[in-house]
N, C-alpha and C. Protein backbone atom coordinates (compact mmCIF):
# COMPACT_ATOMS: atom_id res chain seq x y z
N MET A 1 89.53 37.40 44.68
CA MET A 1 90.75 37.08 43.93
C MET A 1 90.38 36.34 42.64
N SER A 2 90.85 36.88 41.51
CA SER A 2 90.50 36.30 40.22
C SER A 2 91.25 35.00 39.97
N LYS A 3 90.61 34.11 39.23
CA LYS A 3 91.19 32.82 38.91
C LYS A 3 92.25 32.97 37.83
N LYS A 4 93.37 32.29 37.99
CA LYS A 4 94.45 32.37 37.02
C LYS A 4 94.03 31.72 35.70
N PRO A 5 94.27 32.40 34.57
CA PRO A 5 93.89 31.81 33.28
C PRO A 5 94.63 30.50 33.02
N ARG A 6 93.98 29.58 32.33
CA ARG A 6 94.63 28.33 31.93
C ARG A 6 95.70 28.64 30.90
N GLN A 7 96.87 28.02 31.07
CA GLN A 7 98.01 28.30 30.21
C GLN A 7 98.01 27.36 28.99
N ILE A 8 98.02 27.96 27.80
CA ILE A 8 97.92 27.20 26.55
C ILE A 8 99.19 27.37 25.72
N LEU A 9 99.76 26.24 25.27
CA LEU A 9 100.88 26.26 24.34
C LEU A 9 100.37 25.92 22.95
N ILE A 10 100.70 26.74 21.95
CA ILE A 10 100.26 26.50 20.57
C ILE A 10 101.41 25.89 19.78
N VAL A 11 101.14 24.73 19.14
CA VAL A 11 102.17 24.02 18.37
C VAL A 11 101.69 23.87 16.93
N ASP A 12 102.27 24.66 16.04
CA ASP A 12 101.91 24.64 14.62
C ASP A 12 103.10 25.18 13.83
N ASP A 13 103.38 24.59 12.68
CA ASP A 13 104.57 25.03 11.94
C ASP A 13 104.32 26.25 11.06
N HIS A 14 103.10 26.76 11.02
CA HIS A 14 102.80 27.95 10.24
C HIS A 14 102.65 29.17 11.16
N PRO A 15 103.56 30.16 11.05
CA PRO A 15 103.51 31.34 11.93
C PRO A 15 102.17 32.08 11.88
N ILE A 16 101.58 32.19 10.68
CA ILE A 16 100.31 32.91 10.56
C ILE A 16 99.20 32.17 11.29
N MET A 17 99.22 30.83 11.20
CA MET A 17 98.22 30.03 11.92
C MET A 17 98.41 30.19 13.43
N ARG A 18 99.66 30.17 13.89
CA ARG A 18 99.92 30.35 15.33
C ARG A 18 99.41 31.71 15.80
N MET A 19 99.66 32.73 14.99
CA MET A 19 99.22 34.08 15.36
C MET A 19 97.69 34.14 15.45
N GLY A 20 97.01 33.54 14.46
CA GLY A 20 95.56 33.55 14.47
C GLY A 20 94.98 32.80 15.66
N LEU A 21 95.57 31.63 15.96
CA LEU A 21 95.10 30.85 17.10
C LEU A 21 95.35 31.59 18.41
N ALA A 22 96.51 32.26 18.52
CA ALA A 22 96.83 33.01 19.73
C ALA A 22 95.84 34.14 19.95
N GLN A 23 95.49 34.84 18.87
CA GLN A 23 94.53 35.93 18.98
C GLN A 23 93.16 35.42 19.39
N LEU A 24 92.77 34.29 18.82
CA LEU A 24 91.47 33.70 19.14
C LEU A 24 91.41 33.24 20.59
N VAL A 25 92.44 32.53 21.03
CA VAL A 25 92.48 32.05 22.42
C VAL A 25 92.48 33.23 23.39
N GLY A 26 93.18 34.31 23.01
CA GLY A 26 93.29 35.48 23.86
C GLY A 26 92.00 36.25 24.05
N LEU A 27 90.99 35.96 23.23
CA LEU A 27 89.70 36.64 23.36
C LEU A 27 88.93 36.17 24.59
N ASP A 28 89.28 35.01 25.10
CA ASP A 28 88.61 34.47 26.29
C ASP A 28 89.53 34.66 27.50
N SER A 29 89.06 35.39 28.48
CA SER A 29 89.89 35.71 29.65
C SER A 29 90.24 34.49 30.50
N ASN A 30 89.57 33.35 30.24
CA ASN A 30 89.88 32.14 31.00
C ASN A 30 91.17 31.47 30.52
N PHE A 31 91.67 31.92 29.35
CA PHE A 31 92.85 31.28 28.76
C PHE A 31 93.94 32.30 28.45
N GLU A 32 95.16 31.82 28.45
CA GLU A 32 96.30 32.67 28.15
C GLU A 32 97.33 31.85 27.38
N VAL A 33 97.80 32.37 26.26
CA VAL A 33 98.84 31.69 25.49
C VAL A 33 100.18 31.94 26.17
N CYS A 34 100.78 30.86 26.66
CA CYS A 34 102.04 30.98 27.40
C CYS A 34 103.26 30.76 26.51
N GLY A 35 103.02 30.29 25.28
CA GLY A 35 104.14 30.06 24.38
C GLY A 35 103.69 29.49 23.05
N GLU A 36 104.61 29.51 22.09
CA GLU A 36 104.34 28.96 20.76
C GLU A 36 105.53 28.12 20.32
N ALA A 37 105.26 27.11 19.48
CA ALA A 37 106.32 26.25 18.96
C ALA A 37 105.99 25.87 17.52
N GLY A 38 107.03 25.77 16.70
CA GLY A 38 106.84 25.43 15.30
C GLY A 38 107.19 23.99 14.96
N SER A 39 107.60 23.22 15.97
CA SER A 39 107.96 21.82 15.76
C SER A 39 107.75 21.04 17.05
N ALA A 40 107.81 19.71 16.94
CA ALA A 40 107.63 18.86 18.12
C ALA A 40 108.76 19.07 19.13
N ASN A 41 109.99 19.11 18.64
CA ASN A 41 111.13 19.30 19.53
C ASN A 41 111.07 20.65 20.24
N GLU A 42 110.68 21.68 19.50
CA GLU A 42 110.56 23.01 20.11
C GLU A 42 109.46 23.02 21.16
N ALA A 43 108.38 22.28 20.91
CA ALA A 43 107.28 22.20 21.88
C ALA A 43 107.76 21.59 23.20
N ILE A 44 108.53 20.53 23.10
CA ILE A 44 109.06 19.88 24.31
C ILE A 44 109.99 20.82 25.06
N GLU A 45 110.83 21.54 24.32
CA GLU A 45 111.74 22.51 24.95
C GLU A 45 110.96 23.62 25.65
N LYS A 46 109.90 24.10 25.00
CA LYS A 46 109.09 25.17 25.58
C LYS A 46 108.41 24.71 26.87
N ILE A 47 107.89 23.51 26.86
CA ILE A 47 107.20 22.98 28.04
C ILE A 47 108.18 22.82 29.20
N GLU A 48 109.37 22.34 28.91
CA GLU A 48 110.40 22.21 29.94
C GLU A 48 110.80 23.57 30.49
N GLU A 49 110.84 24.56 29.60
CA GLU A 49 111.24 25.92 29.97
C GLU A 49 110.16 26.63 30.78
N ILE A 50 108.90 26.52 30.31
CA ILE A 50 107.78 27.22 30.95
C ILE A 50 107.33 26.50 32.22
N GLY A 51 107.22 25.19 32.13
CA GLY A 51 106.81 24.39 33.30
C GLY A 51 105.31 24.35 33.49
N ASP A 52 104.70 25.50 33.76
CA ASP A 52 103.28 25.56 34.08
C ASP A 52 102.44 25.69 32.81
N VAL A 53 102.17 24.57 32.15
CA VAL A 53 101.35 24.55 30.95
C VAL A 53 100.17 23.61 31.19
N ASP A 54 98.96 24.10 30.96
CA ASP A 54 97.76 23.29 31.20
C ASP A 54 97.35 22.46 29.99
N MET A 55 97.55 23.04 28.79
CA MET A 55 97.11 22.35 27.58
C MET A 55 97.98 22.72 26.40
N ALA A 56 98.23 21.73 25.53
CA ALA A 56 98.93 21.98 24.27
C ALA A 56 97.93 21.84 23.14
N LEU A 57 97.88 22.86 22.28
CA LEU A 57 97.03 22.85 21.09
C LEU A 57 97.95 22.46 19.94
N VAL A 58 97.79 21.24 19.44
CA VAL A 58 98.79 20.63 18.55
C VAL A 58 98.26 20.36 17.15
N ASP A 59 99.07 20.74 16.13
CA ASP A 59 98.75 20.39 14.75
C ASP A 59 99.31 19.00 14.46
N ILE A 60 98.68 18.27 13.56
CA ILE A 60 99.16 16.93 13.18
C ILE A 60 100.45 17.01 12.38
N SER A 61 100.51 17.92 11.41
CA SER A 61 101.65 17.99 10.49
C SER A 61 102.72 18.93 11.03
N LEU A 62 103.79 18.35 11.55
CA LEU A 62 104.92 19.13 12.06
C LEU A 62 106.17 18.71 11.30
N PRO A 63 107.16 19.58 11.17
CA PRO A 63 108.31 19.29 10.30
C PRO A 63 109.24 18.18 10.77
N ASP A 64 109.36 17.99 12.09
CA ASP A 64 110.32 16.98 12.58
C ASP A 64 109.67 15.62 12.83
N ARG A 65 108.46 15.60 13.37
CA ARG A 65 107.69 14.37 13.49
C ARG A 65 106.23 14.74 13.69
N SER A 66 105.36 13.78 13.57
CA SER A 66 103.93 14.09 13.57
C SER A 66 103.42 14.52 14.94
N GLY A 67 102.30 15.24 14.90
CA GLY A 67 101.65 15.62 16.15
C GLY A 67 101.21 14.42 16.95
N LEU A 68 100.92 13.32 16.27
CA LEU A 68 100.55 12.08 16.95
C LEU A 68 101.69 11.59 17.83
N GLU A 69 102.91 11.61 17.30
CA GLU A 69 104.08 11.20 18.07
C GLU A 69 104.33 12.17 19.22
N LEU A 70 104.11 13.46 18.97
CA LEU A 70 104.30 14.46 20.03
C LEU A 70 103.33 14.22 21.18
N VAL A 71 102.08 13.92 20.86
CA VAL A 71 101.08 13.65 21.90
C VAL A 71 101.54 12.48 22.77
N LYS A 72 102.07 11.43 22.14
CA LYS A 72 102.58 10.28 22.89
C LYS A 72 103.72 10.69 23.81
N ASP A 73 104.64 11.50 23.28
CA ASP A 73 105.79 11.94 24.08
C ASP A 73 105.35 12.78 25.27
N LEU A 74 104.40 13.68 25.04
CA LEU A 74 103.93 14.55 26.12
C LEU A 74 103.18 13.77 27.18
N LYS A 75 102.50 12.71 26.78
CA LYS A 75 101.78 11.86 27.73
C LYS A 75 102.75 11.23 28.72
N VAL A 76 103.91 10.84 28.22
CA VAL A 76 104.94 10.24 29.08
C VAL A 76 105.66 11.31 29.89
N MET A 77 105.99 12.40 29.22
CA MET A 77 106.78 13.47 29.83
C MET A 77 106.01 14.24 30.90
N LYS A 78 104.74 14.54 30.63
CA LYS A 78 103.93 15.37 31.52
C LYS A 78 102.49 14.85 31.49
N PRO A 79 102.19 13.79 32.22
CA PRO A 79 100.87 13.13 32.16
C PRO A 79 99.70 14.06 32.46
N GLU A 80 99.92 15.08 33.27
CA GLU A 80 98.82 15.97 33.65
C GLU A 80 98.51 17.00 32.55
N LEU A 81 99.35 17.11 31.55
CA LEU A 81 99.14 18.05 30.46
C LEU A 81 98.10 17.50 29.47
N SER A 82 97.10 18.28 29.14
CA SER A 82 96.08 17.86 28.18
C SER A 82 96.48 18.30 26.77
N CYS A 83 96.20 17.45 25.79
CA CYS A 83 96.50 17.77 24.40
C CYS A 83 95.22 17.79 23.57
N LEU A 84 95.01 18.90 22.87
CA LEU A 84 93.91 19.02 21.92
C LEU A 84 94.53 19.17 20.54
N VAL A 85 94.18 18.30 19.63
CA VAL A 85 94.73 18.36 18.27
C VAL A 85 93.79 19.15 17.37
N ILE A 86 94.37 20.11 16.63
CA ILE A 86 93.61 20.88 15.65
C ILE A 86 94.28 20.66 14.31
N SER A 87 93.52 20.21 13.33
CA SER A 87 94.15 19.79 12.08
C SER A 87 93.20 19.90 10.90
N SER A 88 93.79 19.93 9.71
CA SER A 88 93.00 19.91 8.47
C SER A 88 92.82 18.48 7.97
N HIS A 89 93.50 17.52 8.63
CA HIS A 89 93.39 16.12 8.23
C HIS A 89 92.09 15.50 8.73
N ASP A 90 91.60 14.54 8.00
CA ASP A 90 90.31 13.90 8.26
C ASP A 90 90.21 13.34 9.68
N GLU A 91 89.20 13.80 10.40
CA GLU A 91 88.95 13.35 11.77
C GLU A 91 88.73 11.84 11.82
N ASN A 92 88.09 11.28 10.80
CA ASN A 92 87.80 9.85 10.78
C ASN A 92 89.07 9.00 10.77
N VAL A 93 90.17 9.57 10.24
CA VAL A 93 91.43 8.85 10.17
C VAL A 93 92.25 9.01 11.45
N TYR A 94 92.25 10.22 12.00
CA TYR A 94 93.18 10.53 13.08
C TYR A 94 92.59 10.51 14.50
N ALA A 95 91.32 10.84 14.66
CA ALA A 95 90.78 11.07 16.01
C ALA A 95 90.97 9.89 16.95
N GLU A 96 90.64 8.68 16.48
CA GLU A 96 90.78 7.51 17.35
C GLU A 96 92.24 7.28 17.73
N ARG A 97 93.16 7.50 16.78
CA ARG A 97 94.59 7.34 17.06
C ARG A 97 95.05 8.35 18.12
N ILE A 98 94.55 9.58 18.01
CA ILE A 98 94.92 10.61 18.97
C ILE A 98 94.45 10.25 20.37
N LEU A 99 93.23 9.77 20.50
CA LEU A 99 92.72 9.38 21.82
C LEU A 99 93.53 8.22 22.40
N LYS A 100 93.86 7.24 21.56
CA LYS A 100 94.67 6.10 22.03
C LYS A 100 96.06 6.54 22.45
N ALA A 101 96.56 7.61 21.82
CA ALA A 101 97.90 8.11 22.14
C ALA A 101 97.91 8.93 23.43
N GLY A 102 96.71 9.25 23.94
CA GLY A 102 96.64 10.03 25.18
C GLY A 102 96.09 11.42 25.01
N GLY A 103 95.73 11.78 23.76
CA GLY A 103 95.14 13.09 23.53
C GLY A 103 93.73 13.17 24.08
N LYS A 104 93.24 14.40 24.26
CA LYS A 104 91.92 14.59 24.86
C LYS A 104 90.89 15.18 23.90
N GLY A 105 91.28 15.37 22.64
CA GLY A 105 90.30 15.90 21.72
C GLY A 105 90.87 16.13 20.35
N TYR A 106 89.97 16.31 19.38
CA TYR A 106 90.35 16.53 17.99
C TYR A 106 89.33 17.47 17.36
N ILE A 107 89.83 18.52 16.72
CA ILE A 107 88.93 19.47 16.06
C ILE A 107 89.53 19.86 14.72
N MET A 108 88.68 19.94 13.70
CA MET A 108 89.12 20.31 12.37
C MET A 108 89.33 21.83 12.28
N LYS A 109 90.29 22.24 11.46
CA LYS A 109 90.61 23.66 11.33
C LYS A 109 89.51 24.46 10.64
N ASP A 110 88.58 23.78 9.97
CA ASP A 110 87.52 24.52 9.28
C ASP A 110 86.31 24.78 10.18
N GLN A 111 86.42 24.43 11.46
CA GLN A 111 85.32 24.68 12.39
C GLN A 111 85.26 26.17 12.75
N ALA A 112 84.09 26.62 13.19
CA ALA A 112 83.90 28.02 13.59
C ALA A 112 84.75 28.32 14.84
N PRO A 113 85.21 29.57 14.97
CA PRO A 113 86.05 29.95 16.12
C PRO A 113 85.45 29.60 17.48
N ASP A 114 84.14 29.76 17.62
CA ASP A 114 83.53 29.47 18.92
C ASP A 114 83.58 27.98 19.25
N LYS A 115 83.68 27.14 18.21
CA LYS A 115 83.81 25.70 18.44
C LYS A 115 85.18 25.38 19.04
N LEU A 116 86.21 26.08 18.58
CA LEU A 116 87.55 25.87 19.13
C LEU A 116 87.58 26.25 20.61
N ILE A 117 86.98 27.39 20.94
CA ILE A 117 86.94 27.81 22.34
C ILE A 117 86.17 26.79 23.18
N GLU A 118 85.08 26.28 22.62
CA GLU A 118 84.31 25.25 23.32
C GLU A 118 85.16 24.01 23.55
N ALA A 119 85.93 23.60 22.52
CA ALA A 119 86.80 22.43 22.64
C ALA A 119 87.86 22.63 23.72
N ILE A 120 88.46 23.82 23.75
CA ILE A 120 89.49 24.12 24.76
C ILE A 120 88.89 24.07 26.16
N LYS A 121 87.69 24.60 26.32
CA LYS A 121 87.03 24.59 27.62
C LYS A 121 86.76 23.16 28.08
N VAL A 122 86.26 22.33 27.15
CA VAL A 122 85.95 20.94 27.49
C VAL A 122 87.22 20.20 27.93
N VAL A 123 88.28 20.36 27.16
CA VAL A 123 89.53 19.62 27.43
C VAL A 123 90.21 20.12 28.70
N THR A 124 90.28 21.44 28.90
CA THR A 124 90.94 21.96 30.11
C THR A 124 90.15 21.65 31.37
N ASN A 125 88.87 21.31 31.21
CA ASN A 125 88.05 20.92 32.36
C ASN A 125 88.01 19.41 32.56
N GLY A 126 88.88 18.71 31.83
CA GLY A 126 89.01 17.27 32.05
C GLY A 126 88.18 16.40 31.14
N GLY A 127 87.48 16.99 30.17
CA GLY A 127 86.65 16.21 29.27
C GLY A 127 87.35 15.84 27.98
N ILE A 128 86.61 15.20 27.09
CA ILE A 128 87.10 14.82 25.77
C ILE A 128 86.22 15.48 24.73
N PHE A 129 86.87 16.09 23.71
CA PHE A 129 86.10 16.79 22.68
C PHE A 129 86.29 16.13 21.31
N LEU A 130 85.17 15.75 20.70
CA LEU A 130 85.13 15.27 19.32
C LEU A 130 83.86 15.85 18.69
N SER A 131 83.79 15.81 17.37
CA SER A 131 82.56 16.24 16.71
C SER A 131 81.45 15.26 17.07
N PRO A 132 80.18 15.66 16.97
CA PRO A 132 79.08 14.73 17.26
C PRO A 132 79.14 13.47 16.40
N GLU A 133 79.54 13.63 15.12
CA GLU A 133 79.63 12.49 14.22
C GLU A 133 80.71 11.51 14.67
N MET A 134 81.86 12.05 15.09
CA MET A 134 82.96 11.19 15.52
C MET A 134 82.64 10.55 16.87
N THR A 135 81.95 11.28 17.72
CA THR A 135 81.54 10.72 19.02
C THR A 135 80.63 9.52 18.80
N ALA A 136 79.69 9.64 17.85
CA ALA A 136 78.77 8.53 17.54
C ALA A 136 79.55 7.33 17.01
N LYS A 137 80.54 7.60 16.16
CA LYS A 137 81.34 6.52 15.59
C LYS A 137 82.14 5.81 16.67
N MET A 138 82.73 6.59 17.59
CA MET A 138 83.51 6.00 18.67
C MET A 138 82.63 5.16 19.58
N MET A 139 81.42 5.62 19.84
CA MET A 139 80.49 4.86 20.67
C MET A 139 80.14 3.53 20.00
N GLN A 140 80.02 3.56 18.68
CA GLN A 140 79.70 2.35 17.93
C GLN A 140 80.86 1.35 18.02
N ILE A 141 82.09 1.88 17.92
CA ILE A 141 83.27 1.01 18.03
C ILE A 141 83.34 0.38 19.42
N ILE A 142 83.11 1.20 20.46
CA ILE A 142 83.14 0.70 21.84
C ILE A 142 82.07 -0.36 22.05
N ALA A 143 80.91 -0.15 21.42
CA ALA A 143 79.80 -1.09 21.57
C ALA A 143 80.00 -2.37 20.77
N GLY A 144 81.04 -2.37 19.94
CA GLY A 144 81.34 -3.57 19.17
C GLY A 144 80.84 -3.56 17.76
N GLY A 145 80.24 -2.44 17.33
CA GLY A 145 79.70 -2.38 15.98
C GLY A 145 80.70 -1.97 14.92
N GLY A 146 81.90 -1.53 15.34
CA GLY A 146 82.86 -1.04 14.34
C GLY A 146 84.07 -1.91 14.22
N GLY A 147 84.03 -3.11 14.79
CA GLY A 147 85.22 -3.96 14.79
C GLY A 147 85.71 -4.34 13.42
N ASN A 148 84.80 -4.72 12.53
CA ASN A 148 85.22 -5.14 11.20
C ASN A 148 85.87 -4.01 10.43
N GLU A 149 85.29 -2.81 10.51
CA GLU A 149 85.83 -1.66 9.80
C GLU A 149 87.21 -1.31 10.33
N ALA A 150 87.38 -1.36 11.66
CA ALA A 150 88.64 -0.96 12.25
C ALA A 150 89.76 -1.92 11.93
N SER A 151 89.42 -3.15 11.56
CA SER A 151 90.44 -4.16 11.33
C SER A 151 90.96 -4.20 9.91
N ARG A 152 90.38 -3.39 9.02
CA ARG A 152 90.85 -3.43 7.65
C ARG A 152 91.17 -2.02 7.15
N GLY A 153 91.91 -1.96 6.02
CA GLY A 153 92.25 -0.68 5.44
C GLY A 153 93.17 0.15 6.31
N ILE A 154 93.15 1.45 6.12
CA ILE A 154 94.04 2.37 6.83
C ILE A 154 93.83 2.29 8.33
N SER A 155 92.59 2.12 8.77
CA SER A 155 92.31 2.08 10.21
C SER A 155 92.95 0.88 10.89
N GLY A 156 93.34 -0.14 10.12
CA GLY A 156 93.97 -1.31 10.71
C GLY A 156 95.48 -1.21 10.82
N LEU A 157 96.05 -0.10 10.33
CA LEU A 157 97.50 0.08 10.39
C LEU A 157 97.93 0.56 11.78
N SER A 158 99.11 0.13 12.19
CA SER A 158 99.68 0.66 13.43
C SER A 158 100.05 2.13 13.20
N ASP A 159 100.32 2.88 14.26
CA ASP A 159 100.67 4.29 14.10
C ASP A 159 101.92 4.46 13.24
N ARG A 160 102.93 3.61 13.45
CA ARG A 160 104.15 3.72 12.66
C ARG A 160 103.89 3.37 11.20
N GLU A 161 103.11 2.32 10.95
CA GLU A 161 102.76 1.96 9.59
C GLU A 161 101.99 3.09 8.92
N PHE A 162 101.12 3.72 9.68
CA PHE A 162 100.34 4.82 9.14
C PHE A 162 101.24 5.99 8.74
N GLU A 163 102.26 6.29 9.56
CA GLU A 163 103.19 7.36 9.23
C GLU A 163 103.97 7.03 7.96
N VAL A 164 104.39 5.79 7.81
CA VAL A 164 105.10 5.36 6.60
C VAL A 164 104.18 5.51 5.39
N PHE A 165 102.93 5.08 5.54
CA PHE A 165 101.95 5.17 4.46
C PHE A 165 101.76 6.62 4.03
N ARG A 166 101.63 7.51 5.01
CA ARG A 166 101.42 8.93 4.71
C ARG A 166 102.62 9.53 3.97
N LYS A 167 103.81 9.17 4.39
CA LYS A 167 105.02 9.70 3.74
C LYS A 167 105.20 9.12 2.34
N LEU A 168 104.78 7.87 2.14
CA LEU A 168 104.78 7.31 0.79
C LEU A 168 103.87 8.14 -0.12
N GLY A 169 102.75 8.53 0.43
CA GLY A 169 101.80 9.34 -0.33
C GLY A 169 102.30 10.73 -0.63
N GLU A 170 103.28 11.18 0.13
CA GLU A 170 103.90 12.49 -0.10
C GLU A 170 105.05 12.39 -1.10
N GLY A 171 105.25 11.17 -1.62
CA GLY A 171 106.29 10.98 -2.63
C GLY A 171 107.67 10.69 -2.09
N LYS A 172 107.76 10.32 -0.81
CA LYS A 172 109.05 10.06 -0.18
C LYS A 172 109.54 8.64 -0.50
N SER A 173 110.84 8.51 -0.68
CA SER A 173 111.45 7.19 -0.89
C SER A 173 111.67 6.50 0.45
N SER A 174 111.99 5.22 0.42
CA SER A 174 112.25 4.49 1.67
C SER A 174 113.42 5.12 2.42
N ARG A 175 114.44 5.58 1.69
CA ARG A 175 115.60 6.21 2.33
C ARG A 175 115.19 7.52 3.03
N GLU A 176 114.37 8.31 2.35
CA GLU A 176 113.91 9.57 2.94
C GLU A 176 113.03 9.32 4.17
N ILE A 177 112.15 8.34 4.07
CA ILE A 177 111.27 8.01 5.19
C ILE A 177 112.09 7.53 6.39
N ALA A 178 113.09 6.70 6.12
CA ALA A 178 113.97 6.19 7.18
C ALA A 178 114.65 7.35 7.90
N GLY A 179 115.14 8.31 7.14
CA GLY A 179 115.82 9.46 7.74
C GLY A 179 114.89 10.32 8.57
N GLU A 180 113.68 10.54 8.08
CA GLU A 180 112.72 11.39 8.79
C GLU A 180 112.17 10.73 10.05
N LEU A 181 112.02 9.41 10.02
CA LEU A 181 111.46 8.71 11.19
C LEU A 181 112.52 8.16 12.12
N GLY A 182 113.79 8.24 11.70
CA GLY A 182 114.88 7.76 12.56
C GLY A 182 114.92 6.24 12.67
N ILE A 183 114.58 5.55 11.57
CA ILE A 183 114.62 4.09 11.55
C ILE A 183 115.43 3.64 10.33
N SER A 184 115.72 2.35 10.24
CA SER A 184 116.51 1.86 9.12
C SER A 184 115.64 1.70 7.86
N ILE A 185 116.31 1.69 6.69
CA ILE A 185 115.60 1.46 5.43
C ILE A 185 114.94 0.09 5.45
N ARG A 186 115.64 -0.88 6.04
CA ARG A 186 115.10 -2.24 6.12
C ARG A 186 113.79 -2.25 6.92
N THR A 187 113.76 -1.48 7.99
CA THR A 187 112.54 -1.40 8.80
C THR A 187 111.41 -0.75 8.01
N VAL A 188 111.73 0.29 7.25
CA VAL A 188 110.73 0.94 6.40
C VAL A 188 110.15 -0.07 5.41
N ASP A 189 111.03 -0.86 4.79
CA ASP A 189 110.57 -1.85 3.81
C ASP A 189 109.70 -2.93 4.46
N THR A 190 110.03 -3.27 5.71
CA THR A 190 109.21 -4.23 6.45
C THR A 190 107.82 -3.65 6.70
N HIS A 191 107.78 -2.37 7.08
CA HIS A 191 106.50 -1.70 7.29
C HIS A 191 105.69 -1.67 5.98
N ARG A 192 106.38 -1.40 4.88
CA ARG A 192 105.70 -1.36 3.58
C ARG A 192 105.04 -2.71 3.26
N THR A 193 105.74 -3.78 3.56
CA THR A 193 105.20 -5.12 3.32
C THR A 193 103.96 -5.36 4.18
N HIS A 194 104.03 -4.98 5.45
CA HIS A 194 102.90 -5.17 6.36
C HIS A 194 101.70 -4.33 5.92
N ILE A 195 101.98 -3.09 5.48
CA ILE A 195 100.90 -2.21 5.01
C ILE A 195 100.21 -2.83 3.80
N LYS A 196 101.03 -3.28 2.87
CA LYS A 196 100.51 -3.89 1.64
C LYS A 196 99.61 -5.08 1.97
N ASP A 197 100.07 -5.93 2.90
CA ASP A 197 99.29 -7.12 3.28
C ASP A 197 97.99 -6.73 3.97
N LYS A 198 98.06 -5.77 4.89
CA LYS A 198 96.87 -5.37 5.64
C LYS A 198 95.81 -4.72 4.75
N MET A 199 96.29 -4.00 3.73
CA MET A 199 95.35 -3.29 2.86
C MET A 199 94.94 -4.12 1.64
N GLY A 200 95.49 -5.33 1.54
CA GLY A 200 95.12 -6.21 0.44
C GLY A 200 95.59 -5.73 -0.91
N LEU A 201 96.77 -5.11 -0.96
CA LEU A 201 97.32 -4.59 -2.21
C LEU A 201 98.30 -5.59 -2.81
N ARG A 202 98.41 -5.58 -4.12
CA ARG A 202 99.18 -6.63 -4.80
C ARG A 202 100.68 -6.40 -4.78
N ASP A 203 101.11 -5.15 -4.96
CA ASP A 203 102.55 -4.89 -5.06
C ASP A 203 102.87 -3.47 -4.60
N SER A 204 104.17 -3.13 -4.68
CA SER A 204 104.62 -1.81 -4.21
C SER A 204 104.04 -0.68 -5.03
N SER A 205 103.86 -0.90 -6.32
CA SER A 205 103.30 0.14 -7.18
C SER A 205 101.87 0.48 -6.77
N GLU A 206 101.09 -0.56 -6.46
CA GLU A 206 99.71 -0.33 -6.04
C GLU A 206 99.67 0.35 -4.67
N LEU A 207 100.62 -0.01 -3.81
CA LEU A 207 100.71 0.63 -2.50
C LEU A 207 100.99 2.12 -2.66
N THR A 208 101.98 2.45 -3.48
CA THR A 208 102.34 3.86 -3.69
C THR A 208 101.17 4.63 -4.28
N PHE A 209 100.49 4.03 -5.24
CA PHE A 209 99.33 4.67 -5.87
C PHE A 209 98.25 4.97 -4.84
N GLU A 210 97.93 4.00 -4.00
CA GLU A 210 96.89 4.19 -2.98
C GLU A 210 97.30 5.25 -1.97
N ALA A 211 98.59 5.26 -1.61
CA ALA A 211 99.08 6.24 -0.64
C ALA A 211 98.98 7.66 -1.20
N ILE A 212 99.39 7.82 -2.46
CA ILE A 212 99.31 9.14 -3.11
C ILE A 212 97.86 9.60 -3.23
N ARG A 213 97.00 8.69 -3.63
CA ARG A 213 95.59 9.01 -3.77
C ARG A 213 94.99 9.44 -2.43
N TRP A 214 95.39 8.75 -1.35
CA TRP A 214 94.85 9.10 -0.03
C TRP A 214 95.34 10.48 0.41
N VAL A 215 96.63 10.75 0.22
CA VAL A 215 97.18 12.05 0.62
C VAL A 215 96.51 13.18 -0.17
N GLU A 216 96.31 12.97 -1.45
CA GLU A 216 95.65 14.00 -2.28
C GLU A 216 94.23 14.25 -1.81
N ALA A 217 93.57 13.20 -1.35
CA ALA A 217 92.18 13.35 -0.88
C ALA A 217 92.11 14.16 0.41
N GLN A 218 93.22 14.19 1.18
CA GLN A 218 93.24 14.92 2.44
C GLN A 218 93.48 16.41 2.26
N SER A 219 94.04 16.78 1.10
CA SER A 219 94.42 18.19 0.89
C SER A 219 93.24 19.02 0.40
């Protein structure tokens, strides 16, 4: 009797990317794409509808909220579900946050196709997948060698502060950020103040400049 393929849900807001990922995953008989979603809310609906999902392959940039927030939600909603994040955003910025949120791996979109299959195999078998460079960095942090770096700059921001910082870099106003994150404008402004203080920036103009520069560097 043959073993049932592991069920994979693909979450990405670009239809062409979803199609490419589905074709790639389908090349390995150990895996089967059980569904696709273009947003975080749709992903949750699909998982509730399908039920038997082993792993979610999640993009960071989703239209309704970030993949980071989705990973947190799925950890609470379905603890046995593994999440592997695939993204074009810098692994050095996101990977540690994803692991803390309950994710099981992070892979960049520019990696070779066989690396993605390797990552899926590692995660569906209960392991954690990161690049060798990121694994070394995480080991250094665990050993106590990365404490100073983690406490300053972008790495020292909370997940919510980081989301506000990213949206500032996308040119969003406090009102727009409040609407997208479902929080008050006053709360957004409080986050802006905390970000400015943590990053050692002098004023709002310098904060906006740094945020824009960071977002441009990620593209």
